[in-house]
Amino acid sequence: MKKKENIPQKIASLIDAHHAFGLPKPKHPLVSLLNGPHSQMEVVRPLQNHVIGFYKISYKPRLGGRLKYGQGYYDFDEGGLLFISPGQVIGSEDDDDIVCSAYTLLIHPDFFLGYPLSKNVKQYGFFSYSTNETLHLSEEEKATVIEVFKMIENELNSRIDDFSQDVVISQIDLLLNYANRFYKRQFITRKAVNSDLLQQLERILDTYFTDERSLSEGIPTVQYLAETLNLSPSYLSDMLRSLTGQNAQQHIHQKLIEKAKEKLSTTNLSVSEVAYALGFEHPQSFSKLFKTKTNLSPLEFRKSFIL
């Protein structure tokens, strides 16, 4: 007998989401703000792994697992914000995200159509962060976030008119801008720990090339680095950018150039052999990257070491 595949359940609309959690239909089919705590909610059916078709932003008053550095905690403890984008698979263990949240904002992508936010929302990397990369809020940040949620709530509960959507869109935009600012602050307050992560990343890349894994597995990917560090690719790139000004892909390229210079200046390997040793399928791709990063071709760089 064929084993049943664990296919994620699809929750495409806000109406489906409200139904799944035993709530009345949303007042608006494309945007809904749940104000909790939602202890009165009864899940109609157990939610297995599921894929949502909308954006979800939740403020949770209490966050577990504060990260510790040295003898003190460095995260703020005034709750935090979690972000999920359409198409993400959510595990059943994440179902308390709505139940335990003080505010949960659900937004269908169609609500943004015709507005700049329809494109701009995709630029916020935190929608791709893991749940353990939550935005931890300070007391002042919490007050700001709650105020914006209340503004959205008041607008959604007011009489609908020609300006309602414009106002709510601008309020969501404001919330996302604040979140972006607060995440940048979080990267700064976690600087000591993030610096340790940067050192780990350097060790991982050095080991990768020292063990010649590039010969069999190709160039290391951002996904590989993120998984090794137990981070999401988006969080890793944003964290690195805040520390060094370079994202994860740029760090990989930097390491490739370092190793290439080492091989070109200390060995007799041909340019093609250097390229293959570093994981490139095509030597032309290696030469192009090297020229872009150094303004020299690999052969020109090698000649500069010949007296």
Protein backbone atom coordinates (compact mmCIF):
# COMPACT_ATOMS: atom_id res chain seq x y z
CA MET A 1 0.00 0.00 0.00
CA LYS A 2 1.33 3.38 -1.01
CA LYS A 3 2.23 5.69 1.87
CA LYS A 4 0.21 8.91 1.93
CA GLU A 5 2.30 11.95 1.07
CA ASN A 6 2.28 14.72 3.64
CA ILE A 7 1.09 17.40 1.23
CA PRO A 8 0.78 20.81 2.92
CA GLN A 9 -2.78 22.06 3.31
CA LYS A 10 -3.52 25.21 1.31
CA ILE A 11 -5.10 28.19 3.02
CA ALA A 12 -5.43 30.53 0.08
CA SER A 13 -7.78 33.21 1.33
CA LEU A 14 -8.49 35.20 4.48
CA ILE A 15 -11.96 33.65 4.58
CA ASP A 16 -10.33 30.18 4.70
CA ALA A 17 -8.00 31.33 7.48
CA HIS A 18 -10.86 32.72 9.59
CA HIS A 19 -12.81 29.50 9.07
CA ALA A 20 -9.82 27.35 10.06
CA PHE A 21 -9.60 29.18 13.38
CA GLY A 22 -13.33 29.27 14.05
CA LEU A 23 -13.67 33.02 13.55
CA PRO A 24 -16.47 34.97 11.83
CA LYS A 25 -15.88 35.95 8.21
CA PRO A 26 -13.53 38.94 7.83
CA LYS A 27 -15.15 42.33 7.24
CA HIS A 28 -12.91 42.78 4.21
CA PRO A 29 -11.96 39.77 2.02
CA LEU A 30 -8.41 41.05 1.43
CA VAL A 31 -7.31 42.47 4.80
CA SER A 32 -8.07 41.48 8.36
CA LEU A 33 -6.72 42.45 11.78
CA LEU A 34 -7.22 40.02 14.64
CA ASN A 35 -6.98 41.59 18.08
CA GLY A 36 -6.33 39.12 20.93
CA PRO A 37 -5.46 37.34 22.99
CA HIS A 38 -7.52 34.79 21.11
CA SER A 39 -8.17 32.25 23.81
CA GLN A 40 -11.76 32.06 22.58
CA MET A 41 -10.62 30.75 19.20
CA GLU A 42 -11.38 27.14 18.41
CA VAL A 43 -9.48 25.56 15.53
CA VAL A 44 -12.12 23.89 13.36
CA ARG A 45 -9.73 21.17 12.23
CA PRO A 46 -6.14 20.35 13.21
CA LEU A 47 -3.86 22.39 10.98
CA GLN A 48 -1.20 20.16 9.47
CA ASN A 49 1.70 21.73 7.59
CA HIS A 50 0.04 24.40 5.51
CA VAL A 51 0.81 26.99 2.85
CA ILE A 52 -0.76 30.42 3.13
CA GLY A 53 -1.70 32.63 0.21
CA PHE A 54 -1.35 35.94 2.04
CA TYR A 55 1.02 38.01 4.18
CA LYS A 56 0.87 37.56 7.94
CA ILE A 57 2.32 39.96 10.50
CA SER A 58 1.93 39.01 14.17
CA TYR A 59 2.84 40.81 17.35
CA LYS A 60 3.43 38.37 20.21
CA PRO A 61 3.63 39.87 23.73
CA ARG A 62 5.89 37.07 24.94
CA LEU A 63 8.76 35.44 23.14
CA GLY A 64 10.56 32.35 24.34
CA GLY A 65 14.19 31.48 23.87
CA ARG A 66 15.95 34.80 24.30
CA LEU A 67 19.52 34.39 23.03
CA LYS A 68 22.29 34.77 25.58
CA TYR A 69 25.76 36.16 25.09
CA GLY A 70 28.36 36.01 27.87
CA GLN A 71 26.60 36.54 31.18
CA GLY A 72 23.75 38.72 29.94
CA TYR A 73 20.79 38.63 27.59
CA TYR A 74 21.10 41.04 24.73
CA ASP A 75 17.58 40.82 23.26
CA PHE A 76 14.78 43.09 24.37
CA ASP A 77 11.88 41.38 26.11
CA GLU A 78 8.83 43.42 25.13
CA GLY A 79 7.49 40.86 22.70
CA GLY A 80 8.23 40.72 19.01
CA LEU A 81 7.04 40.75 15.43
CA LEU A 82 6.87 37.72 13.13
CA PHE A 83 6.51 38.01 9.35
CA ILE A 84 5.31 35.35 6.90
CA SER A 85 4.85 35.80 3.15
CA PRO A 86 2.55 34.05 0.66
CA GLY A 87 3.76 30.61 -0.39
CA GLN A 88 5.60 29.83 2.84
CA VAL A 89 5.00 26.44 4.42
CA ILE A 90 4.03 26.74 8.09
CA GLY A 91 4.32 23.77 10.43
CA SER A 92 1.52 22.73 12.76
CA GLU A 93 3.72 23.76 15.69
CA ASP A 94 3.40 27.36 14.46
CA ASP A 95 -0.40 27.39 14.88
CA ASP A 96 -0.09 29.24 18.18
CA ASP A 97 1.29 32.16 16.17
CA ILE A 98 -2.24 33.55 15.82
CA VAL A 99 -3.66 32.11 19.02
CA CYS A 100 -0.95 33.63 21.25
CA SER A 101 -0.60 36.91 19.38
CA ALA A 102 -1.99 40.22 20.61
CA TYR A 103 -2.36 41.44 17.02
CA THR A 104 -2.28 39.49 13.76
CA LEU A 105 -2.58 41.29 10.46
CA LEU A 106 -3.53 39.21 7.40
CA ILE A 107 -3.15 40.83 3.97
CA HIS A 108 -3.89 39.23 0.63
CA PRO A 109 -1.44 40.36 -2.11
CA ASP A 110 -4.38 41.59 -4.20
CA PHE A 111 -4.98 44.30 -1.59
CA PHE A 112 -1.74 45.96 -2.76
CA LEU A 113 -2.57 45.91 -6.49
CA GLY A 114 -2.24 49.34 -8.09
CA TYR A 115 -0.05 50.62 -5.24
CA PRO A 116 3.78 50.90 -5.11
CA LEU A 117 3.70 48.61 -2.06
CA SER A 118 2.72 45.75 -4.39
CA LYS A 119 6.37 45.69 -5.56
CA ASN A 120 8.06 47.26 -2.55
CA VAL A 121 6.78 44.64 -0.10
CA LYS A 122 9.02 42.06 -1.78
CA GLN A 123 12.09 44.10 -0.83
CA TYR A 124 11.59 43.46 2.89
CA GLY A 125 13.83 40.47 3.57
CA PHE A 126 12.32 39.78 6.99
CA PHE A 127 9.30 38.15 5.33
CA SER A 128 11.69 35.28 4.55
CA TYR A 129 13.23 35.01 8.01
CA SER A 130 12.75 31.92 10.18
CA THR A 131 10.58 32.07 13.30
CA ASN A 132 13.71 31.99 15.47
CA GLU A 133 14.81 35.24 13.80
CA THR A 134 11.92 37.21 15.25
CA LEU A 135 12.20 40.96 15.71
CA HIS A 136 12.58 41.55 19.47
CA LEU A 137 11.12 44.91 20.48
CA SER A 138 12.22 47.45 23.06
CA GLU A 139 9.59 49.19 25.19
CA GLU A 140 9.57 52.24 22.91
CA GLU A 141 9.44 50.10 19.77
CA LYS A 142 6.58 48.07 21.21
CA ALA A 143 4.59 51.26 21.89
CA THR A 144 5.18 52.41 18.30
CA VAL A 145 4.12 49.07 16.80
CA ILE A 146 0.98 48.83 18.97
CA GLU A 147 0.03 52.37 17.98
CA VAL A 148 0.23 51.51 14.27
CA PHE A 149 -1.82 48.32 14.80
CA LYS A 150 -4.47 50.41 16.61
CA MET A 151 -4.55 52.90 13.74
CA ILE A 152 -5.12 50.06 11.26
CA GLU A 153 -7.77 48.57 13.54
CA ASN A 154 -9.64 51.88 13.83
CA GLU A 155 -9.56 52.39 10.09
CA LEU A 156 -10.81 48.87 9.31
CA ASN A 157 -13.64 49.27 11.84
CA SER A 158 -14.67 52.68 10.47
CA ARG A 159 -17.11 53.37 7.70
CA ILE A 160 -15.63 52.26 4.36
CA ASP A 161 -15.19 55.13 1.89
CA ASP A 162 -13.09 56.05 -1.16
CA PHE A 163 -10.03 56.73 1.02
CA SER A 164 -10.11 53.64 3.23
CA GLN A 165 -7.77 51.50 1.16
CA ASP A 166 -5.31 54.36 0.62
CA VAL A 167 -5.16 54.99 4.38
CA VAL A 168 -4.72 51.31 5.34
CA ILE A 169 -2.05 50.81 2.66
CA SER A 170 -0.10 53.80 4.02
CA GLN A 171 -0.43 52.45 7.57
CA ILE A 172 0.87 49.00 6.52
CA ASP A 173 3.72 50.75 4.71
CA LEU A 174 4.48 52.65 7.92
CA LEU A 175 4.50 49.41 9.94
CA LEU A 176 6.93 47.78 7.50
CA ASN A 177 9.23 50.81 7.53
CA TYR A 178 9.33 50.74 11.33
CA ALA A 179 10.04 47.00 11.26
CA ASN A 180 12.89 47.60 8.82
CA ARG A 181 14.36 50.26 11.12
CA PHE A 182 13.99 48.09 14.23
CA TYR A 183 15.61 45.09 12.54
CA LYS A 184 18.60 47.29 11.63
CA ARG A 185 18.80 48.22 15.33
CA GLN A 186 18.61 44.53 16.26
CA PHE A 187 21.58 43.74 14.04
CA ILE A 188 23.53 46.45 15.90
CA THR A 189 22.55 45.27 19.40
CA ARG A 190 23.49 41.72 18.40
CA LYS A 191 26.81 42.86 16.99
CA ALA A 192 28.96 40.71 19.31
CA VAL A 193 27.04 37.52 18.46
CA ASN A 194 26.82 38.42 14.78
CA SER A 195 30.60 38.97 14.73
CA ASP A 196 30.98 35.41 16.04
CA LEU A 197 28.71 34.22 13.22
CA LEU A 198 30.90 36.08 10.73
CA GLN A 199 33.97 34.27 12.06
CA GLN A 200 32.12 30.94 11.81
CA LEU A 201 31.18 31.74 8.23
CA GLU A 202 34.83 32.43 7.38
CA ARG A 203 35.86 29.11 8.94
CA ILE A 204 33.14 27.25 7.03
CA LEU A 205 34.30 28.72 3.72
CA ASP A 206 37.97 28.06 4.48
CA THR A 207 37.23 24.44 5.40
CA TYR A 208 35.08 24.01 2.28
CA PHE A 209 37.99 24.93 0.00
CA THR A 210 40.71 23.29 2.13
CA ASP A 211 38.81 19.98 2.00
CA GLU A 212 38.38 20.50 -1.77
CA ARG A 213 34.62 20.04 -1.57
CA SER A 214 34.38 22.53 -4.43
CA LEU A 215 35.75 19.84 -6.79
CA SER A 216 32.76 17.56 -6.18
CA GLU A 217 30.05 19.97 -4.99
CA GLY A 218 30.82 23.16 -6.88
CA ILE A 219 30.83 26.71 -5.55
CA PRO A 220 29.36 27.00 -2.03
CA THR A 221 25.87 28.50 -2.06
CA VAL A 222 24.13 30.97 0.23
CA GLN A 223 21.66 28.20 1.09
CA TYR A 224 24.52 25.92 2.19
CA LEU A 225 26.04 28.61 4.43
CA ALA A 226 22.67 29.51 5.95
CA GLU A 227 21.82 25.88 6.75
CA THR A 228 25.26 25.30 8.29
CA LEU A 229 24.80 28.36 10.52
CA ASN A 230 21.11 27.52 11.28
CA LEU A 231 19.91 30.77 9.76
CA SER A 232 17.59 31.64 6.91
CA PRO A 233 19.36 32.87 3.74
CA SER A 234 17.64 36.27 3.95
CA TYR A 235 18.59 36.83 7.59
CA LEU A 236 22.18 35.77 6.90
CA SER A 237 22.51 38.24 4.01
CA ASP A 238 20.89 41.11 5.93
CA MET A 239 23.02 40.40 9.01
CA LEU A 240 26.23 40.37 6.95
CA ARG A 241 25.23 43.54 5.12
CA SER A 242 24.76 45.32 8.45
CA LEU A 243 28.22 44.19 9.62
CA THR A 244 30.31 44.44 6.48
CA GLY A 245 28.25 46.13 3.77
CA GLN A 246 28.25 42.89 1.74
CA ASN A 247 25.55 40.24 1.44
CA ALA A 248 26.19 36.48 1.64
CA GLN A 249 26.70 36.06 -2.11
CA GLN A 250 29.27 38.84 -2.14
CA HIS A 251 31.11 37.17 0.75
CA ILE A 252 31.28 33.95 -1.25
CA HIS A 253 32.66 35.85 -4.24
CA GLN A 254 35.22 37.58 -2.03
CA LYS A 255 36.42 34.21 -0.71
CA LEU A 256 36.58 32.81 -4.26
CA ILE A 257 38.79 35.70 -5.35
CA GLU A 258 41.05 35.25 -2.29
CA LYS A 259 41.52 31.55 -3.07
CA ALA A 260 42.00 32.26 -6.77
CA LYS A 261 44.75 34.81 -6.07
CA GLU A 262 46.44 32.29 -3.78
CA LYS A 263 46.44 29.57 -6.45
CA LEU A 264 47.43 31.91 -9.28
CA SER A 265 50.40 33.32 -7.35
CA THR A 266 51.70 30.13 -5.66
CA THR A 267 51.00 27.29 -8.13
CA ASN A 268 51.54 26.47 -11.81
CA LEU A 269 47.90 25.49 -12.35
CA SER A 270 46.38 26.81 -15.55
CA VAL A 271 43.50 29.27 -15.36
CA SER A 272 41.09 26.47 -16.29
CA GLU A 273 42.48 24.22 -13.57
CA VAL A 274 42.13 27.01 -10.99
CA ALA A 275 38.55 27.55 -12.10
CA TYR A 276 37.64 23.87 -11.76
CA ALA A 277 39.42 23.61 -8.40
CA LEU A 278 37.24 26.45 -7.08
CA GLY A 279 34.03 24.81 -8.27
CA PHE A 280 33.35 26.64 -11.53
CA GLU A 281 31.82 24.57 -14.33
CA HIS A 282 33.10 26.96 -16.98
CA PRO A 283 36.50 28.73 -16.86
CA GLN A 284 34.96 31.70 -18.69
CA SER A 285 32.65 32.33 -15.72
CA PHE A 286 35.64 32.33 -13.38
CA SER A 287 37.62 34.73 -15.59
CA LYS A 288 34.66 37.08 -15.87
CA LEU A 289 34.14 37.20 -12.08
CA PHE A 290 37.87 37.65 -11.44
CA LYS A 291 38.08 40.54 -13.94
CA THR A 292 34.98 42.18 -12.44
CA LYS A 293 36.36 42.02 -8.89
CA THR A 294 40.03 42.87 -9.57
CA ASN A 295 40.06 44.77 -12.90
CA LEU A 296 42.62 42.21 -14.07
CA SER A 297 42.26 38.94 -15.95
CA PRO A 298 43.63 35.86 -14.12
CA LEU A 299 46.63 35.80 -16.50
CA GLU A 300 47.31 39.52 -16.00
CA PHE A 301 47.22 38.99 -12.24
CA ARG A 302 49.67 36.05 -12.49
CA LYS A 303 52.08 38.05 -14.71
CA SER A 304 52.22 40.81 -12.08
CA PHE A 305 54.06 38.31 -9.82
CA ILE A 306 56.67 37.49 -12.45
CA LEU A 307 59.83 39.61 -12.17
